[in-house]
Structures are given as structure tokens and as C-alpha cells.
Amino acid sequence: MKNKLLIMASMAAAVGIGSFAWAQQPRPFGGSNKDPSASQAARKFTPRAPSLIPVFTSAQYGAAGTGLRNRQSATINLSGVIPPVQAAYLYWGVINPSPPPDPPYLSHVIFRQVGGTPQILAGTLLATAPSPCWGGDHTSYYRALVSSIVPGNGLYEVQIAPPGVGITDGSDPWVEANSTLPQWEGASLIVVGTGPSTVNITDSIAGTPMTTPPIPPFSYTVNLYGTPSGSDAIWTTINADGQIGASVIAGNNLYDEQVTINGTQVSGPNEGPNAHDTDSDYNGNDASPLPQLWDTRTHDLTRAGVTGIVESGSLAVTVSSLSGGPSLDCIEVVANVVSF
């Protein structure tokens, strides 16, 4: 605890102390295109300079995430990594109430393996994007290399340091919200271990388009690099602001996203005989039942029957809805991970 307090004090000194007071208001349509801020969806995403995370060989990976809305800290419980670790990356997103550039405290988080020493991480800005229908000016997405402090599976803590905190009382985001404060979305940990496959990580730096507008239906392509191993193709998608409806009230056929890859459905509601994972990839499951708003979802594409991955060297991802109409869910694509 003493170490954590010292880290927080150092962080506050480095970025400048700020104090916030807020009047907490309900936001019953937050995160949906019924919210008054949804018109911002027409604004363009702004990616940073192109670069590629290295292609990993003799590899496999694990991925997990957590929600951060109306929290000051949260934990990520990581499983599935086979050591030794080749690389590890932490992603996070936050809605900024003010125009760019972001203040330094939004590009930093405190991170540690539970039981270990907290460390301040300085993130690389991947992209700025429209607010996903929660007010505020824009959303910023960051990535930090954490290989030196992630030995493998386990429990990891992400903490927001003052003065970058928003509401921190754990309240329901649809009951208490304030778009004049930072609104944190969530964080995901991607850890590349050792195994038989080739692993690619693509994000807004690496060319995966952050979707605009962020309301389904939409499509994007994930290009693959490296030599196929013959192992199953495994795909993880990290997305911001998924929800089941408003708070714990599920929307009726309004948040029914389906994902197809290379023409084969891999997730979401399906009335046919070949349904696999019938849950939406955009229900905020990293922080269910509340605060939702962040998803780290993984699928075995080979077992789901997806074909053409090796032949095309890419994943053609389409997000639609069972009802056939536009979803109400305002979604932002953060990163994709593929082993093949």
C-alpha cells in the first residue's frame, strides 16, 4: 500500500494536481445512438503514424480485459499463456472532455501484478475517435509495452492516477455520468507466449481501421503477416463501449450484433442450425453486469468453420445485427489479435 501511495503521489506531481467536483446526472441512453452526443459519430478517427508490431513466430497468446467506467482501479485475470513470454501489451481507452492534445495524465496508468510493485506506464497514443455516444470531446486509445512486468498468467491491476480520474464510486454509468470529466472505458492485456503458431497484433497504428461511424453495421479487414503454422486460427477482438441496453436492462433486438468473418458467422444471435457462440461480442462482458462498456472476446475461427484465411491472407470482419437494422450500440474497435 505504501508503494502504491508513493507512485500515486509521484504521478500527481509529474502531471499536475487537479481537483474535480461534479453533479452526477443520469444518462439513460449513454452508449447508444439515442444519446444526444451520438451525432458526433460522423467525425473522423485520427490514427497515428503507421507501424507494425512485430510478427511473432513459435508463439501463442492469451488475452483478457476489464471495465474502468466509474472506477479508479480494476483487475485483469489472465489465463492461457504458455511461458516463456515473448511480449506483453496493455491497451486502454478514455473519453476526454476537452479537445486534443490530451493532458499527460490520460496517457498514464498505474499497473502491477497483484502482490507486486506498482509502476507508472506511459502509453503510446494509437488514435483519437469520436465519443461513443457519452458526450465529451473525443476518445483516446493507448498502448504500453509491459513485457518486463508480465511474467505470464495471473491477476493484474490497472489503476487511474489523479488528476485523471472521473467518477470513482462504482456507480451505474447510466445513473451517474458527467461528460465534463474523463470517462474511462476499459483496459485489455495481450500476452504472447510460446507455442506452435504465428501471432499478429494489429491496432490503429498497425492499420486496422477504427470504424466510423461506430454503429453497426460496419466492416473492416485484418491483414495477416507471416507464415501459417497449420494450427487453428484464433482471433481476439478488443472493443470499447459494448452494452446490453441501458444498465442491466437488455434492449429488445437493439443490441443483437452478429459477427461474420470471411462470410461465416462466428458470434451473436443465430436462428440457424450452425450457431456457435450466440452471445454478442459487444455486450460489455469484461465488466458484467456493471459497468460493461469493454470487451475482449476470443474465438477459434477454424472450429467455427471459417475458411479462406490462408488463401486470402486476411480476415474480412463484418458486424451486423440479427434484426437487420442498425444497432443502437456505439462501438469502437481497438485492436485485433490473430494466431494462425
Protein backbone atom coordinates (compact mmCIF):
# COMPACT_ATOMS: atom_id res chain seq x y z
CA MET A 1 0.00 0.00 0.00
CA LYS A 2 2.87 2.37 0.83
CA ASN A 3 4.40 1.78 -2.61
CA LYS A 4 1.06 2.44 -4.29
CA LEU A 5 0.63 5.73 -2.44
CA LEU A 6 4.14 6.84 -3.37
CA ILE A 7 3.51 6.01 -7.02
CA MET A 8 0.25 7.98 -6.99
CA ALA A 9 1.94 10.95 -5.35
CA SER A 10 4.72 10.88 -7.94
CA MET A 11 2.21 10.64 -10.75
CA ALA A 12 0.21 13.58 -9.46
CA ALA A 13 3.36 15.66 -9.12
CA ALA A 14 4.50 14.77 -12.63
CA VAL A 15 1.29 15.69 -14.42
CA GLY A 16 -0.10 18.42 -12.17
CA ILE A 17 -2.66 18.22 -9.43
CA GLY A 18 -6.26 18.86 -10.34
CA SER A 19 -9.41 18.68 -8.31
CA PHE A 20 -12.82 17.79 -9.65
CA ALA A 21 -16.28 18.27 -8.28
CA TRP A 22 -19.28 17.03 -10.14
CA ALA A 23 -23.01 16.98 -10.11
CA GLN A 24 -23.89 13.42 -11.00
CA GLN A 25 -26.59 13.12 -13.63
CA PRO A 26 -28.42 10.18 -15.17
CA ARG A 27 -27.55 9.28 -18.77
CA PRO A 28 -30.29 6.78 -19.67
CA PHE A 29 -29.26 6.50 -23.34
CA GLY A 30 -25.50 6.58 -22.82
CA GLY A 31 -23.54 4.50 -25.29
CA SER A 32 -26.40 4.33 -27.79
CA ASN A 33 -27.33 6.38 -30.82
CA LYS A 34 -30.29 7.75 -28.86
CA ASP A 35 -27.87 9.76 -26.72
CA PRO A 36 -27.72 13.47 -27.65
CA SER A 37 -23.98 13.13 -28.35
CA ALA A 38 -24.47 10.41 -30.98
CA SER A 39 -24.28 12.96 -33.81
CA GLN A 40 -20.54 13.08 -33.16
CA ALA A 41 -20.26 9.64 -34.77
CA ALA A 42 -19.80 11.33 -38.13
CA ARG A 43 -16.44 12.74 -37.05
CA LYS A 44 -13.33 11.03 -38.36
CA PHE A 45 -10.98 8.81 -36.43
CA THR A 46 -7.40 10.08 -36.36
CA PRO A 47 -4.82 7.29 -36.45
CA ARG A 48 -1.18 7.91 -35.61
CA ALA A 49 1.81 7.15 -37.85
CA PRO A 50 1.64 3.63 -39.36
CA SER A 51 3.85 0.96 -37.83
CA LEU A 52 3.53 -2.75 -37.24
CA ILE A 53 4.00 -4.69 -34.05
CA PRO A 54 6.48 -7.47 -34.93
CA VAL A 55 5.19 -10.80 -36.21
CA PHE A 56 5.70 -13.44 -33.53
CA THR A 57 6.70 -16.98 -34.51
CA SER A 58 6.74 -20.19 -32.43
CA ALA A 59 4.06 -18.41 -30.46
CA GLN A 60 0.59 -18.41 -28.92
CA TYR A 61 -1.16 -15.84 -26.77
CA GLY A 62 -3.62 -15.05 -24.00
CA ALA A 63 -5.96 -12.08 -23.75
CA ALA A 64 -8.18 -10.63 -21.03
CA GLY A 65 -9.69 -7.29 -20.10
CA THR A 66 -11.67 -5.26 -17.61
CA GLY A 67 -14.00 -2.27 -17.49
CA LEU A 68 -12.96 1.05 -15.91
CA ARG A 69 -16.04 3.30 -16.11
CA ASN A 70 -16.82 4.95 -12.75
CA ARG A 71 -13.92 3.07 -11.15
CA GLN A 72 -10.47 4.11 -10.02
CA SER A 73 -9.00 0.63 -10.39
CA ALA A 74 -9.86 -2.79 -11.73
CA THR A 75 -8.18 -6.17 -12.17
CA ILE A 76 -7.45 -8.30 -15.23
CA ASN A 77 -7.35 -12.05 -14.62
CA LEU A 78 -5.17 -13.53 -17.38
CA SER A 79 -5.14 -17.21 -18.34
CA GLY A 80 -3.99 -19.33 -21.26
CA VAL A 81 -0.43 -18.07 -21.74
CA ILE A 82 2.33 -20.66 -22.19
CA PRO A 83 5.69 -19.31 -20.97
CA PRO A 84 8.22 -18.03 -21.68
CA VAL A 85 6.58 -14.73 -22.57
CA GLN A 86 7.75 -13.09 -25.81
CA ALA A 87 5.89 -9.79 -25.41
CA ALA A 88 3.02 -8.19 -23.49
CA TYR A 89 0.91 -5.12 -24.25
CA LEU A 90 -1.65 -3.19 -22.22
CA TYR A 91 -4.37 -1.26 -24.09
CA TRP A 92 -6.72 1.30 -22.57
CA GLY A 93 -9.26 3.89 -23.66
CA VAL A 94 -10.68 7.06 -22.11
CA ILE A 95 -13.23 9.66 -23.23
CA ASN A 96 -11.61 13.08 -22.91
CA PRO A 97 -13.91 16.04 -22.12
CA SER A 98 -11.56 18.51 -23.85
CA PRO A 99 -10.18 18.83 -27.40
CA PRO A 100 -6.77 17.32 -28.27
CA PRO A 101 -4.00 17.21 -27.34
CA ASP A 102 -4.64 15.04 -24.31
CA PRO A 103 -3.21 16.07 -20.94
CA PRO A 104 -0.37 13.76 -19.84
CA TYR A 105 -2.40 12.16 -17.06
CA LEU A 106 -4.74 10.46 -19.55
CA SER A 107 -1.79 8.76 -21.26
CA HIS A 108 -0.56 7.23 -18.00
CA VAL A 109 -1.89 4.45 -15.79
CA ILE A 110 -0.53 2.63 -12.77
CA PHE A 111 -0.04 -1.10 -13.42
CA ARG A 112 1.20 -4.08 -11.45
CA GLN A 113 0.83 -7.79 -10.99
CA VAL A 114 -1.20 -8.15 -7.80
CA GLY A 115 1.31 -8.51 -4.98
CA GLY A 116 3.99 -6.72 -6.98
CA THR A 117 5.29 -3.15 -7.10
CA PRO A 118 3.10 -0.61 -8.93
CA GLN A 119 4.66 1.09 -11.93
CA ILE A 120 3.64 4.15 -13.92
CA LEU A 121 3.07 3.30 -17.58
CA ALA A 122 3.34 5.94 -20.30
CA GLY A 123 1.12 4.90 -23.19
CA THR A 124 1.60 5.45 -26.92
CA LEU A 125 -1.39 7.26 -28.42
CA LEU A 126 -2.89 4.94 -31.05
CA ALA A 127 -5.80 7.06 -32.21
CA THR A 128 -8.40 9.61 -31.26
CA ALA A 129 -12.02 8.85 -32.07
CA PRO A 130 -15.49 10.30 -31.57
CA SER A 131 -17.03 9.86 -28.16
CA PRO A 132 -19.09 6.64 -28.38
CA CYS A 133 -22.30 8.46 -27.51
CA TRP A 134 -21.47 9.57 -23.96
CA GLY A 135 -20.72 13.24 -24.54
CA GLY A 136 -17.23 14.57 -24.04
CA ASP A 137 -15.00 15.69 -26.90
CA HIS A 138 -13.28 12.51 -28.12
CA THR A 139 -11.96 9.11 -27.09
CA SER A 140 -8.25 8.31 -26.94
CA TYR A 141 -6.76 4.83 -27.14
CA TYR A 142 -3.33 3.98 -25.78
CA ARG A 143 -0.94 1.04 -25.76
CA ALA A 144 2.05 0.32 -23.50
CA LEU A 145 4.66 -2.42 -23.68
CA VAL A 146 4.64 -4.30 -20.37
CA SER A 147 6.79 -7.35 -21.16
CA SER A 148 9.20 -6.66 -18.31
CA ILE A 149 6.48 -6.78 -15.64
CA VAL A 150 4.18 -9.52 -17.01
CA PRO A 151 5.70 -12.98 -16.45
CA GLY A 152 2.58 -14.83 -17.61
CA ASN A 153 -0.81 -15.81 -16.26
CA GLY A 154 -2.14 -14.16 -13.14
CA LEU A 155 -4.03 -11.25 -11.68
CA TYR A 156 -3.05 -7.72 -12.75
CA GLU A 157 -4.30 -4.36 -11.50
CA VAL A 158 -4.86 -1.23 -13.58
CA GLN A 159 -5.26 1.99 -11.62
CA ILE A 160 -6.16 5.51 -12.77
CA ALA A 161 -3.99 8.11 -11.12
CA PRO A 162 -5.11 11.60 -10.04
CA PRO A 163 -5.87 14.01 -11.59
CA GLY A 164 -7.12 11.84 -14.45
CA VAL A 165 -9.91 10.18 -12.51
CA GLY A 166 -13.55 10.79 -13.24
CA ILE A 167 -16.36 9.35 -11.15
CA THR A 168 -14.81 6.64 -8.96
CA ASP A 169 -17.62 5.49 -6.66
CA GLY A 170 -18.50 2.38 -8.66
CA SER A 171 -21.90 3.75 -9.60
CA ASP A 172 -24.02 2.64 -12.55
CA PRO A 173 -22.86 4.70 -15.59
CA TRP A 174 -26.46 5.08 -16.78
CA VAL A 175 -27.43 6.58 -13.42
CA GLU A 176 -24.38 8.73 -12.67
CA ALA A 177 -22.41 10.32 -15.50
CA ASN A 178 -20.53 13.55 -16.13
CA SER A 179 -19.19 14.33 -19.59
CA THR A 180 -17.10 17.22 -18.24
CA LEU A 181 -14.80 14.65 -16.57
CA PRO A 182 -12.69 11.85 -18.07
CA GLN A 183 -14.85 8.77 -18.68
CA TRP A 184 -12.63 5.70 -18.71
CA GLU A 185 -13.69 2.82 -20.93
CA GLY A 186 -11.54 -0.19 -20.02
CA ALA A 187 -8.22 -1.97 -20.42
CA SER A 188 -7.01 -5.20 -22.03
CA LEU A 189 -3.84 -7.22 -21.65
CA ILE A 190 -2.41 -9.16 -24.63
CA VAL A 191 0.44 -11.53 -23.78
CA VAL A 192 2.35 -13.50 -26.42
CA GLY A 193 3.73 -16.78 -25.13
CA THR A 194 5.45 -19.76 -26.70
CA GLY A 195 3.69 -22.25 -28.95
CA PRO A 196 3.27 -23.58 -32.49
CA SER A 197 1.67 -20.59 -34.21
CA THR A 198 2.33 -17.25 -35.87
CA VAL A 199 0.78 -14.34 -33.93
CA ASN A 200 -0.17 -10.92 -35.30
CA ILE A 201 -1.37 -7.98 -33.21
CA THR A 202 -2.99 -5.16 -35.18
CA ASP A 203 -4.42 -1.95 -33.83
CA SER A 204 -5.00 1.56 -35.09
CA ILE A 205 -1.25 2.01 -35.50
CA ALA A 206 -0.96 -1.24 -37.43
CA GLY A 207 -3.66 -0.47 -39.95
CA THR A 208 -6.87 -1.94 -38.53
CA PRO A 209 -9.37 0.82 -39.25
CA MET A 210 -11.20 2.18 -36.27
CA THR A 211 -14.72 2.14 -37.59
CA THR A 212 -16.61 5.30 -38.44
CA PRO A 213 -19.44 5.68 -37.75
CA PRO A 214 -19.14 3.33 -34.77
CA ILE A 215 -22.68 1.95 -35.02
CA PRO A 216 -23.28 -1.44 -36.72
CA PRO A 217 -23.49 -2.44 -39.49
CA PHE A 218 -19.82 -1.92 -40.37
CA SER A 219 -16.92 -3.91 -41.84
CA TYR A 220 -13.15 -3.92 -41.71
CA THR A 221 -10.25 -6.11 -42.84
CA VAL A 222 -7.43 -7.53 -40.72
CA ASN A 223 -4.42 -8.33 -42.91
CA LEU A 224 -2.19 -11.19 -41.78
CA TYR A 225 1.59 -11.34 -41.94
CA GLY A 226 3.95 -14.27 -41.55
CA THR A 227 3.87 -17.98 -42.36
CA PRO A 228 0.77 -20.01 -41.44
CA SER A 229 1.60 -22.78 -38.97
CA GLY A 230 -1.26 -25.14 -39.75
CA SER A 231 -2.66 -24.64 -36.25
CA ASP A 232 -6.22 -23.43 -35.62
CA ALA A 233 -6.81 -19.77 -36.41
CA ILE A 234 -7.63 -17.96 -33.15
CA TRP A 235 -8.98 -14.40 -33.21
CA THR A 236 -9.37 -11.87 -30.38
CA THR A 237 -11.13 -8.55 -30.82
CA ILE A 238 -10.92 -5.68 -28.32
CA ASN A 239 -13.80 -3.22 -28.49
CA ALA A 240 -14.90 -0.20 -26.49
CA ASP A 241 -18.37 0.68 -25.27
CA GLY A 242 -20.35 -2.51 -25.78
CA GLN A 243 -23.52 -2.85 -23.71
CA ILE A 244 -26.65 -4.98 -23.41
CA GLY A 245 -29.00 -1.99 -23.43
CA ALA A 246 -29.22 0.59 -20.67
CA SER A 247 -27.66 -0.50 -17.38
CA VAL A 248 -28.78 -4.09 -16.67
CA ILE A 249 -31.92 -3.69 -18.79
CA ALA A 250 -31.35 -5.60 -22.01
CA GLY A 251 -32.59 -3.94 -25.17
CA ASN A 252 -35.06 -5.92 -27.27
CA ASN A 253 -33.41 -6.65 -30.66
CA LEU A 254 -31.49 -3.41 -30.43
CA TYR A 255 -28.11 -4.75 -29.30
CA ASP A 256 -28.12 -8.01 -31.29
CA GLU A 257 -24.79 -7.76 -33.09
CA GLN A 258 -23.62 -10.64 -35.27
CA VAL A 259 -20.02 -11.09 -36.42
CA THR A 260 -19.16 -12.87 -39.65
CA ILE A 261 -15.61 -13.50 -40.84
CA ASN A 262 -14.94 -14.37 -44.46
CA GLY A 263 -18.67 -14.94 -44.78
CA THR A 264 -19.11 -17.32 -41.82
CA GLN A 265 -20.86 -16.21 -38.64
CA VAL A 266 -18.74 -16.73 -35.53
CA SER A 267 -20.71 -14.94 -32.81
CA GLY A 268 -24.00 -13.30 -31.99
CA PRO A 269 -27.62 -14.45 -32.09
CA ASN A 270 -28.33 -17.05 -34.75
CA GLU A 271 -31.55 -18.86 -35.53
CA GLY A 272 -29.91 -21.38 -37.84
CA PRO A 273 -28.57 -24.88 -37.13
CA ASN A 274 -24.87 -23.92 -37.21
CA ALA A 275 -24.81 -21.43 -34.34
CA HIS A 276 -21.58 -21.40 -32.35
CA ASP A 277 -21.18 -18.59 -29.81
CA THR A 278 -24.62 -16.97 -29.71
CA ASP A 279 -23.58 -14.14 -27.38
CA SER A 280 -22.75 -10.73 -28.86
CA ASP A 281 -19.09 -9.69 -28.87
CA TYR A 282 -20.27 -6.21 -27.83
CA ASN A 283 -22.13 -6.70 -24.53
CA GLY A 284 -19.52 -5.24 -22.19
CA ASN A 285 -18.71 -8.70 -20.86
CA ASP A 286 -15.31 -7.72 -19.46
CA ALA A 287 -17.19 -5.87 -16.71
CA SER A 288 -20.57 -7.59 -16.48
CA PRO A 289 -23.10 -6.89 -15.03
CA LEU A 290 -21.75 -3.34 -14.49
CA PRO A 291 -20.21 -1.09 -15.68
CA GLN A 292 -19.97 -3.04 -19.01
CA LEU A 293 -18.51 -0.89 -21.87
CA TRP A 294 -15.41 -3.01 -22.69
CA ASP A 295 -15.00 -6.38 -24.43
CA THR A 296 -12.05 -8.70 -25.02
CA ARG A 297 -13.52 -11.62 -26.99
CA THR A 298 -11.74 -14.67 -28.42
CA HIS A 299 -12.94 -17.26 -30.96
CA ASP A 300 -11.44 -20.35 -32.60
CA LEU A 301 -12.19 -19.49 -36.22
CA THR A 302 -11.16 -22.89 -37.56
CA ARG A 303 -13.62 -24.74 -35.34
CA ALA A 304 -16.31 -22.20 -36.24
CA GLY A 305 -15.90 -23.17 -39.89
CA VAL A 306 -14.25 -20.01 -41.21
CA THR A 307 -12.40 -20.66 -44.48
CA GLY A 308 -10.18 -18.70 -46.83
CA ILE A 309 -7.90 -17.32 -44.11
CA VAL A 310 -4.66 -18.72 -45.56
CA GLU A 311 -5.74 -18.20 -49.17
CA SER A 312 -6.68 -14.54 -48.72
CA GLY A 313 -4.17 -13.70 -46.01
CA SER A 314 -6.81 -11.70 -44.21
CA LEU A 315 -9.94 -11.65 -42.11
CA ALA A 316 -12.91 -9.83 -43.60
CA VAL A 317 -14.86 -8.86 -40.48
CA THR A 318 -18.49 -7.76 -40.80
CA VAL A 319 -20.61 -6.64 -37.85
CA SER A 320 -24.35 -6.59 -38.48
CA SER A 321 -27.50 -7.29 -36.48
CA LEU A 322 -29.98 -10.16 -36.38
CA SER A 323 -32.86 -7.73 -36.69
CA GLY A 324 -31.43 -6.47 -39.97
CA GLY A 325 -31.49 -2.84 -38.96
CA PRO A 326 -28.81 -0.58 -37.47
CA SER A 327 -27.86 -1.48 -33.92
CA LEU A 328 -28.20 1.20 -31.26
CA ASP A 329 -24.79 0.29 -29.83
CA CYS A 330 -22.00 2.84 -30.37
CA ILE A 331 -18.86 0.67 -30.70
CA GLU A 332 -15.19 1.41 -31.31
CA VAL A 333 -12.69 -1.21 -32.50
CA VAL A 334 -9.43 -1.00 -30.54
CA ALA A 335 -7.31 -3.98 -31.65
CA ASN A 336 -7.35 -7.45 -33.19
CA VAL A 337 -5.07 -10.38 -32.39
CA VAL A 338 -4.77 -13.45 -34.62
CA SER A 339 -2.77 -16.66 -34.26
CA PHE A 340 -2.66 -18.95 -37.27
